[in-house]
Amino acid sequence: MKKSLSGQRFHFLFQMPILLVFFLSAFLAACSSSAANAGPTDNCGLIEPTDANIQYTLSFGKDSFTSNDWIKSYTVEPYKVSVSRNNDVEGAVAYTEFLIFNCGYGQADMDKYFGADGFNIVFAGYQSHTLSKFCEINKLSLYEYDLIDKNSAEYSARYWVKQMDDKHVLVMMLVFPKASSDKLDQYSKQIFPEYTSCP
């Protein structure tokens, strides 16, 4: 009996290194695969938008832009997904942006993106931009701008900023010719029915 148990013990001990090598190699392969697909990171995690982030941004408000007159393009880059829709027939622009703050954001970050300097960048293609109204409710802010382009044509812009959670911010902008304020209202109601315009 002792000989039999000793033989079984030897057989088991002999198999352990083989099993250990097998599981270790499988674990390292999984880690290597995961690391290879992880992508670039910062101190707080991955800096690239997830597929869910991309799909959410592409789908936001899409039912309002079903006409073939709206030409869509989008970009995916670190910390951001952006979707542009241009309508040359209406002379209009719709722009959606999903911002990712891996380490969270505070008031300083909001001021940087949505302060005077930030809007100087947003409206850099226009001759002038003047803030006409600002309002906010809960975690949704709305900026309304009067724009003049380089040909002296007048436009109206509505720029919504929605704080999704403590790491994500959604931006939506609509720009229409001043003379098409009814169209601007129509699209605004479809996209943000709870906050179409400032009172």
Foldseek 3Di string as FASTA:
>chain_A
DVVVVVVVVVVVVVCVVVVVVVVVVVVVVVVVVCVVPQDDADPQGGQWDDPVLQVCQVPQLVVVVPDPQWDWDWDTDGQKIKIWTARPVQRKIKIKMKGFARVFDDPVVVCVCPPPVNVCVVVVQFPDKDFDDWDDDDQKIKTWIWTAGPVRFIKIKIWMWGDPDRTMIMIMMMIGGPVVVVVLQVSLCSNCVVDSDDD
